[in-house]
Amino acid sequence: MPNRTAILETVKGTIKFELKETEAPITTKNFIDLANKGFYNGLIFHRVEPGFVIQGGDPKGNGTGGSGKTIPLEIAPTLTHKKGAVGMARSQDPNSASSQFYICIEDAKFLDKNYAVFGQVTEGQNVVSNIRKGDKILKVTIQ
């Protein structure tokens, strides 16, 4: 079965990314479940680091919120933090990822082996580069 695609509709345009379900089954299931519940709809990108990442998925909008459940750190050696990689944000506890995710604007290999990559942008990397702090995620759907 081919991997599914996440479609993020934002105020700046659409970002599509392939979900790496075989390599990161726990992480992708968590993201898919949240997306299917409408969890991400209306949330903002609360963190934007030019040349590094955009980050969203926090219902509090300040980097401290989550879905109320955490998942274990899931590292797949074949998934690296290259431009367009989608990963799960977390606190210092490696097993604290919840709902916050980030998308790499450029390569960020220093994150490899420390953060779970679970997707790769296939369309809309230009939109990723144009996201600014506070920009809204209108809707996330899974195809």
N, C-alpha and C. Protein backbone atom coordinates (compact mmCIF):
# COMPACT_ATOMS: atom_id res chain seq x y z
N MET A 1 0.85 -1.19 0.00
CA MET A 1 0.00 0.00 0.00
C MET A 1 0.89 1.25 0.00
N PRO A 2 0.65 2.18 -0.92
CA PRO A 2 1.47 3.39 -0.95
C PRO A 2 1.21 4.27 0.26
N ASN A 3 2.22 5.06 0.60
CA ASN A 3 2.08 5.98 1.73
C ASN A 3 1.00 7.01 1.43
N ARG A 4 0.32 7.43 2.48
CA ARG A 4 -0.69 8.48 2.34
C ARG A 4 -0.02 9.86 2.33
N THR A 5 -0.80 10.85 1.95
CA THR A 5 -0.32 12.22 1.86
C THR A 5 -1.12 13.10 2.83
N ALA A 6 -0.41 13.97 3.53
CA ALA A 6 -1.06 14.98 4.36
C ALA A 6 -1.14 16.26 3.53
N ILE A 7 -2.29 16.89 3.56
CA ILE A 7 -2.51 18.14 2.83
C ILE A 7 -2.80 19.23 3.86
N LEU A 8 -1.86 20.17 3.99
CA LEU A 8 -2.01 21.29 4.92
C LEU A 8 -2.43 22.51 4.12
N GLU A 9 -3.64 22.95 4.35
CA GLU A 9 -4.09 24.18 3.72
C GLU A 9 -3.80 25.31 4.70
N THR A 10 -2.99 26.27 4.26
CA THR A 10 -2.61 27.39 5.12
C THR A 10 -3.06 28.70 4.48
N VAL A 11 -2.94 29.78 5.23
CA VAL A 11 -3.29 31.09 4.68
C VAL A 11 -2.33 31.50 3.56
N LYS A 12 -1.18 30.85 3.47
CA LYS A 12 -0.19 31.19 2.44
C LYS A 12 -0.23 30.23 1.24
N GLY A 13 -1.05 29.17 1.33
CA GLY A 13 -1.10 28.19 0.25
C GLY A 13 -1.09 26.78 0.81
N THR A 14 -0.98 25.81 -0.08
CA THR A 14 -1.07 24.40 0.31
C THR A 14 0.30 23.74 0.35
N ILE A 15 0.51 22.94 1.40
CA ILE A 15 1.72 22.14 1.56
C ILE A 15 1.27 20.68 1.59
N LYS A 16 1.88 19.86 0.75
CA LYS A 16 1.58 18.42 0.76
C LYS A 16 2.83 17.68 1.17
N PHE A 17 2.66 16.69 2.05
CA PHE A 17 3.81 15.85 2.38
C PHE A 17 3.43 14.39 2.49
N GLU A 18 4.36 13.55 2.02
CA GLU A 18 4.19 12.11 2.08
C GLU A 18 4.42 11.66 3.51
N LEU A 19 3.52 10.85 4.03
CA LEU A 19 3.64 10.29 5.38
C LEU A 19 4.41 8.98 5.28
N LYS A 20 5.51 8.87 6.00
CA LYS A 20 6.39 7.69 5.95
C LYS A 20 5.87 6.63 6.92
N GLU A 21 4.77 6.01 6.55
CA GLU A 21 4.06 5.10 7.45
C GLU A 21 4.83 3.82 7.75
N THR A 22 5.63 3.33 6.81
CA THR A 22 6.40 2.10 7.05
C THR A 22 7.55 2.36 8.01
N GLU A 23 8.28 3.47 7.78
CA GLU A 23 9.45 3.79 8.60
C GLU A 23 9.09 4.38 9.96
N ALA A 24 7.98 5.07 10.06
CA ALA A 24 7.59 5.75 11.31
C ALA A 24 6.11 5.50 11.61
N PRO A 25 5.73 4.24 11.87
CA PRO A 25 4.30 3.92 12.03
C PRO A 25 3.63 4.57 13.23
N ILE A 26 4.30 4.67 14.36
CA ILE A 26 3.70 5.26 15.57
C ILE A 26 3.46 6.75 15.35
N THR A 27 4.49 7.42 14.84
CA THR A 27 4.43 8.87 14.65
C THR A 27 3.40 9.25 13.59
N THR A 28 3.39 8.52 12.48
CA THR A 28 2.42 8.85 11.43
C THR A 28 0.99 8.57 11.90
N LYS A 29 0.78 7.48 12.63
CA LYS A 29 -0.56 7.18 13.14
C LYS A 29 -1.05 8.30 14.06
N ASN A 30 -0.17 8.79 14.92
CA ASN A 30 -0.52 9.88 15.83
C ASN A 30 -0.94 11.12 15.02
N PHE A 31 -0.15 11.49 14.02
CA PHE A 31 -0.46 12.67 13.21
C PHE A 31 -1.77 12.47 12.44
N ILE A 32 -1.93 11.31 11.83
CA ILE A 32 -3.15 11.02 11.06
C ILE A 32 -4.39 11.07 11.96
N ASP A 33 -4.30 10.45 13.14
CA ASP A 33 -5.43 10.46 14.07
C ASP A 33 -5.82 11.89 14.44
N LEU A 34 -4.82 12.72 14.75
CA LEU A 34 -5.10 14.12 15.12
C LEU A 34 -5.70 14.88 13.94
N ALA A 35 -5.12 14.69 12.76
CA ALA A 35 -5.63 15.38 11.56
C ALA A 35 -7.07 14.97 11.28
N ASN A 36 -7.35 13.69 11.38
CA ASN A 36 -8.71 13.20 11.09
C ASN A 36 -9.75 13.72 12.09
N LYS A 37 -9.30 14.07 13.30
CA LYS A 37 -10.20 14.64 14.32
C LYS A 37 -10.38 16.14 14.14
N GLY A 38 -9.62 16.74 13.21
CA GLY A 38 -9.68 18.19 13.02
C GLY A 38 -8.84 18.97 14.02
N PHE A 39 -7.95 18.27 14.74
CA PHE A 39 -7.16 18.90 15.80
C PHE A 39 -6.36 20.11 15.29
N TYR A 40 -5.76 19.99 14.11
CA TYR A 40 -4.87 21.04 13.61
C TYR A 40 -5.60 22.21 12.96
N ASN A 41 -6.86 22.02 12.62
CA ASN A 41 -7.61 23.05 11.90
C ASN A 41 -7.72 24.32 12.74
N GLY A 42 -7.25 25.43 12.19
CA GLY A 42 -7.34 26.71 12.87
C GLY A 42 -6.15 27.05 13.76
N LEU A 43 -5.22 26.12 13.95
CA LEU A 43 -4.04 26.42 14.77
C LEU A 43 -3.05 27.25 13.95
N ILE A 44 -2.07 27.83 14.64
CA ILE A 44 -1.09 28.69 13.96
C ILE A 44 0.29 28.04 13.94
N PHE A 45 1.14 28.60 13.08
CA PHE A 45 2.57 28.30 13.15
C PHE A 45 3.13 29.27 14.18
N HIS A 46 3.45 28.74 15.36
CA HIS A 46 3.86 29.59 16.47
C HIS A 46 5.37 29.85 16.49
N ARG A 47 6.11 29.09 15.70
CA ARG A 47 7.57 29.25 15.66
C ARG A 47 8.03 29.24 14.21
N VAL A 48 8.77 30.26 13.83
CA VAL A 48 9.38 30.32 12.51
C VAL A 48 10.82 30.76 12.69
N GLU A 49 11.73 29.88 12.27
CA GLU A 49 13.17 30.17 12.33
C GLU A 49 13.67 30.21 10.90
N PRO A 50 13.89 31.41 10.33
CA PRO A 50 14.31 31.51 8.92
C PRO A 50 15.55 30.64 8.64
N GLY A 51 15.49 29.92 7.52
CA GLY A 51 16.59 29.04 7.14
C GLY A 51 16.67 27.76 7.93
N PHE A 52 15.70 27.53 8.83
CA PHE A 52 15.74 26.35 9.69
C PHE A 52 14.40 25.61 9.64
N VAL A 53 13.40 26.05 10.42
CA VAL A 53 12.12 25.34 10.48
C VAL A 53 10.93 26.29 10.68
N ILE A 54 9.74 25.75 10.33
CA ILE A 54 8.48 26.33 10.78
C ILE A 54 7.85 25.28 11.68
N GLN A 55 7.15 25.72 12.72
CA GLN A 55 6.58 24.78 13.68
C GLN A 55 5.16 25.17 14.03
N GLY A 56 4.28 24.16 14.09
CA GLY A 56 2.88 24.37 14.45
C GLY A 56 2.33 23.18 15.20
N GLY A 57 1.03 23.20 15.42
CA GLY A 57 0.38 22.07 16.08
C GLY A 57 0.19 22.22 17.57
N ASP A 58 0.35 23.45 18.08
CA ASP A 58 0.17 23.72 19.50
C ASP A 58 -1.15 24.46 19.72
N PRO A 59 -2.12 23.84 20.41
CA PRO A 59 -3.40 24.52 20.62
C PRO A 59 -3.27 25.79 21.47
N LYS A 60 -2.21 25.90 22.27
CA LYS A 60 -2.00 27.12 23.06
C LYS A 60 -1.37 28.23 22.22
N GLY A 61 -0.71 27.85 21.13
CA GLY A 61 -0.12 28.84 20.23
C GLY A 61 1.19 29.43 20.71
N ASN A 62 1.79 28.84 21.75
CA ASN A 62 3.03 29.42 22.28
C ASN A 62 4.16 28.40 22.47
N GLY A 63 3.96 27.17 22.00
CA GLY A 63 5.00 26.15 22.11
C GLY A 63 4.91 25.28 23.34
N THR A 64 3.91 25.50 24.19
CA THR A 64 3.81 24.71 25.43
C THR A 64 2.66 23.71 25.42
N GLY A 65 1.83 23.73 24.38
CA GLY A 65 0.64 22.88 24.36
C GLY A 65 0.82 21.60 23.57
N GLY A 66 -0.16 20.72 23.72
CA GLY A 66 -0.15 19.46 22.99
C GLY A 66 -1.54 18.88 22.95
N SER A 67 -1.61 17.62 22.56
CA SER A 67 -2.90 16.95 22.39
C SER A 67 -3.39 16.28 23.67
N GLY A 68 -2.53 16.22 24.69
CA GLY A 68 -2.90 15.53 25.92
C GLY A 68 -2.35 14.13 25.99
N LYS A 69 -1.73 13.67 24.91
CA LYS A 69 -1.09 12.35 24.92
C LYS A 69 0.28 12.47 24.26
N THR A 70 1.22 11.64 24.70
CA THR A 70 2.56 11.66 24.12
C THR A 70 2.86 10.32 23.46
N ILE A 71 3.86 10.35 22.58
CA ILE A 71 4.29 9.14 21.89
C ILE A 71 5.79 8.96 22.08
N PRO A 72 6.28 7.72 21.97
CA PRO A 72 7.71 7.49 22.13
C PRO A 72 8.50 8.00 20.92
N LEU A 73 9.75 8.34 21.15
CA LEU A 73 10.65 8.77 20.08
C LEU A 73 10.83 7.62 19.10
N GLU A 74 10.64 7.89 17.84
CA GLU A 74 10.72 6.87 16.79
C GLU A 74 11.73 7.34 15.74
N ILE A 75 12.92 6.78 15.78
CA ILE A 75 13.99 7.18 14.85
C ILE A 75 14.12 6.13 13.75
N ALA A 76 14.01 6.56 12.52
CA ALA A 76 14.24 5.68 11.37
C ALA A 76 15.51 6.16 10.67
N PRO A 77 16.55 5.32 10.61
CA PRO A 77 17.83 5.74 10.02
C PRO A 77 17.71 6.25 8.58
N THR A 78 16.70 5.79 7.87
CA THR A 78 16.53 6.21 6.47
C THR A 78 15.86 7.57 6.33
N LEU A 79 15.30 8.10 7.41
CA LEU A 79 14.62 9.40 7.37
C LEU A 79 15.52 10.45 8.01
N THR A 80 15.95 11.42 7.21
CA THR A 80 16.86 12.44 7.71
C THR A 80 16.25 13.83 7.58
N HIS A 81 16.85 14.75 8.29
CA HIS A 81 16.37 16.14 8.31
C HIS A 81 16.93 16.91 7.11
N LYS A 82 16.42 16.55 5.93
CA LYS A 82 16.79 17.31 4.74
C LYS A 82 15.69 18.34 4.49
N LYS A 83 15.95 19.23 3.56
CA LYS A 83 14.97 20.26 3.20
C LYS A 83 13.62 19.59 2.93
N GLY A 84 12.57 20.08 3.57
CA GLY A 84 11.23 19.53 3.39
C GLY A 84 10.87 18.39 4.32
N ALA A 85 11.80 17.97 5.18
CA ALA A 85 11.49 16.90 6.14
C ALA A 85 10.46 17.42 7.15
N VAL A 86 9.55 16.53 7.54
CA VAL A 86 8.54 16.87 8.55
C VAL A 86 8.82 16.01 9.77
N GLY A 87 8.94 16.65 10.93
CA GLY A 87 9.27 15.92 12.15
C GLY A 87 8.39 16.34 13.31
N MET A 88 8.49 15.57 14.39
CA MET A 88 7.73 15.87 15.61
C MET A 88 8.59 16.66 16.58
N ALA A 89 8.06 17.79 17.01
CA ALA A 89 8.72 18.59 18.04
C ALA A 89 8.46 17.93 19.39
N ARG A 90 9.34 18.22 20.34
CA ARG A 90 9.20 17.64 21.68
C ARG A 90 9.97 18.50 22.66
N SER A 91 9.81 18.18 23.95
CA SER A 91 10.60 18.85 24.98
C SER A 91 11.92 18.09 25.13
N GLN A 92 12.65 18.33 26.21
CA GLN A 92 13.92 17.63 26.42
C GLN A 92 13.74 16.13 26.58
N ASP A 93 12.58 15.71 27.06
CA ASP A 93 12.29 14.29 27.19
C ASP A 93 12.07 13.72 25.79
N PRO A 94 12.91 12.75 25.37
CA PRO A 94 12.79 12.21 24.01
C PRO A 94 11.41 11.61 23.71
N ASN A 95 10.69 11.18 24.74
CA ASN A 95 9.39 10.55 24.56
C ASN A 95 8.22 11.49 24.86
N SER A 96 8.40 12.77 24.55
CA SER A 96 7.38 13.76 24.90
C SER A 96 6.66 14.36 23.69
N ALA A 97 6.91 13.84 22.48
CA ALA A 97 6.21 14.37 21.30
C ALA A 97 4.71 14.15 21.47
N SER A 98 3.93 15.13 21.02
CA SER A 98 2.48 15.06 21.18
C SER A 98 1.79 15.44 19.87
N SER A 99 1.66 16.73 19.63
CA SER A 99 0.96 17.20 18.43
C SER A 99 1.78 18.20 17.62
N GLN A 100 2.80 18.80 18.23
CA GLN A 100 3.57 19.81 17.53
C GLN A 100 4.49 19.16 16.50
N PHE A 101 4.51 19.75 15.32
CA PHE A 101 5.36 19.25 14.24
C PHE A 101 6.11 20.42 13.62
N TYR A 102 7.17 20.10 12.92
CA TYR A 102 7.95 21.13 12.23
C TYR A 102 8.24 20.66 10.81
N ILE A 103 8.54 21.62 9.95
CA ILE A 103 8.95 21.34 8.58
C ILE A 103 10.26 22.07 8.35
N CYS A 104 11.26 21.35 7.86
CA CYS A 104 12.58 21.94 7.62
C CYS A 104 12.55 22.84 6.38
N ILE A 105 13.02 24.07 6.56
CA ILE A 105 13.14 25.01 5.45
C ILE A 105 14.39 24.67 4.64
N GLU A 106 15.43 24.23 5.32
CA GLU A 106 16.69 23.78 4.72
C GLU A 106 17.13 22.51 5.44
N ASP A 107 18.22 21.89 4.97
CA ASP A 107 18.77 20.71 5.67
C ASP A 107 19.09 21.06 7.11
N ALA A 108 18.83 20.14 8.02
CA ALA A 108 19.12 20.33 9.45
C ALA A 108 19.60 18.99 10.02
N LYS A 109 20.68 18.46 9.43
CA LYS A 109 21.17 17.12 9.76
C LYS A 109 21.53 16.96 11.24
N PHE A 110 21.84 18.06 11.92
CA PHE A 110 22.19 17.97 13.34
C PHE A 110 21.02 17.48 14.20
N LEU A 111 19.81 17.50 13.65
CA LEU A 111 18.64 16.98 14.36
C LEU A 111 18.49 15.47 14.22
N ASP A 112 19.21 14.88 13.24
CA ASP A 112 19.11 13.43 13.01
C ASP A 112 19.44 12.66 14.27
N LYS A 113 18.72 11.57 14.48
CA LYS A 113 18.87 10.65 15.62
C LYS A 113 18.34 11.24 16.93
N ASN A 114 17.86 12.47 16.91
CA ASN A 114 17.33 13.09 18.12
C ASN A 114 15.84 13.44 18.03
N TYR A 115 15.36 13.61 16.82
CA TYR A 115 13.95 13.97 16.59
C TYR A 115 13.38 13.06 15.51
N ALA A 116 12.10 12.74 15.62
CA ALA A 116 11.45 11.80 14.71
C ALA A 116 10.98 12.49 13.43
N VAL A 117 11.58 12.09 12.31
CA VAL A 117 11.09 12.50 10.99
C VAL A 117 9.99 11.52 10.59
N PHE A 118 8.88 12.05 10.10
CA PHE A 118 7.79 11.15 9.69
C PHE A 118 7.16 11.52 8.35
N GLY A 119 7.72 12.52 7.68
CA GLY A 119 7.17 12.92 6.40
C GLY A 119 8.17 13.69 5.56
N GLN A 120 7.83 13.88 4.30
CA GLN A 120 8.67 14.65 3.38
C GLN A 120 7.76 15.45 2.45
N VAL A 121 8.02 16.76 2.38
CA VAL A 121 7.23 17.64 1.52
C VAL A 121 7.39 17.20 0.06
N THR A 122 6.26 17.07 -0.62
CA THR A 122 6.26 16.71 -2.04
C THR A 122 5.76 17.87 -2.90
N GLU A 123 5.09 18.81 -2.27
CA GLU A 123 4.54 19.96 -2.99
C GLU A 123 4.37 21.11 -2.00
N GLY A 124 4.79 22.32 -2.42
CA GLY A 124 4.57 23.49 -1.58
C GLY A 124 5.74 23.89 -0.70
N GLN A 125 6.96 23.45 -1.04
CA GLN A 125 8.12 23.88 -0.25
C GLN A 125 8.27 25.40 -0.29
N ASN A 126 7.84 26.02 -1.41
CA ASN A 126 7.86 27.48 -1.50
C ASN A 126 6.91 28.10 -0.48
N VAL A 127 5.80 27.42 -0.20
CA VAL A 127 4.85 27.89 0.82
C VAL A 127 5.51 27.81 2.19
N VAL A 128 6.21 26.70 2.45
CA VAL A 128 6.93 26.53 3.73
C VAL A 128 7.83 27.74 3.97
N SER A 129 8.58 28.13 2.94
CA SER A 129 9.52 29.25 3.06
C SER A 129 8.83 30.59 3.28
N ASN A 130 7.56 30.68 2.90
CA ASN A 130 6.82 31.95 3.03
C ASN A 130 5.98 32.05 4.30
N ILE A 131 5.90 30.97 5.08
CA ILE A 131 5.13 30.99 6.33
C ILE A 131 5.81 31.94 7.32
N ARG A 132 5.00 32.72 8.01
CA ARG A 132 5.49 33.62 9.05
C ARG A 132 4.82 33.27 10.38
N LYS A 133 5.45 33.67 11.46
CA LYS A 133 4.91 33.41 12.80
C LYS A 133 3.49 33.96 12.88
N GLY A 134 2.56 33.12 13.34
CA GLY A 134 1.16 33.52 13.47
C GLY A 134 0.29 33.12 12.30
N ASP A 135 0.90 32.69 11.18
CA ASP A 135 0.10 32.24 10.03
C ASP A 135 -0.71 31.01 10.43
N LYS A 136 -1.92 30.95 9.92
CA LYS A 136 -2.88 29.92 10.34
C LYS A 136 -2.88 28.70 9.43
N ILE A 137 -3.05 27.53 10.08
CA ILE A 137 -3.35 26.28 9.38
C ILE A 137 -4.87 26.24 9.26
N LEU A 138 -5.38 26.30 8.06
CA LEU A 138 -6.82 26.31 7.88
C LEU A 138 -7.41 24.92 8.08
N LYS A 139 -6.74 23.92 7.48
CA LYS A 139 -7.29 22.56 7.50
C LYS A 139 -6.18 21.58 7.16
N VAL A 140 -6.21 20.41 7.80
CA VAL A 140 -5.30 19.31 7.45
C VAL A 140 -6.16 18.10 7.10
N THR A 141 -5.91 17.56 5.92
CA THR A 141 -6.62 16.35 5.49
C THR A 141 -5.59 15.29 5.09
N ILE A 142 -6.02 14.05 5.17
CA ILE A 142 -5.16 12.92 4.82
C ILE A 142 -5.76 12.23 3.60
N GLN A 143 -4.92 11.95 2.62
CA GLN A 143 -5.38 11.31 1.39
C GLN A 143 -4.63 10.01 1.17
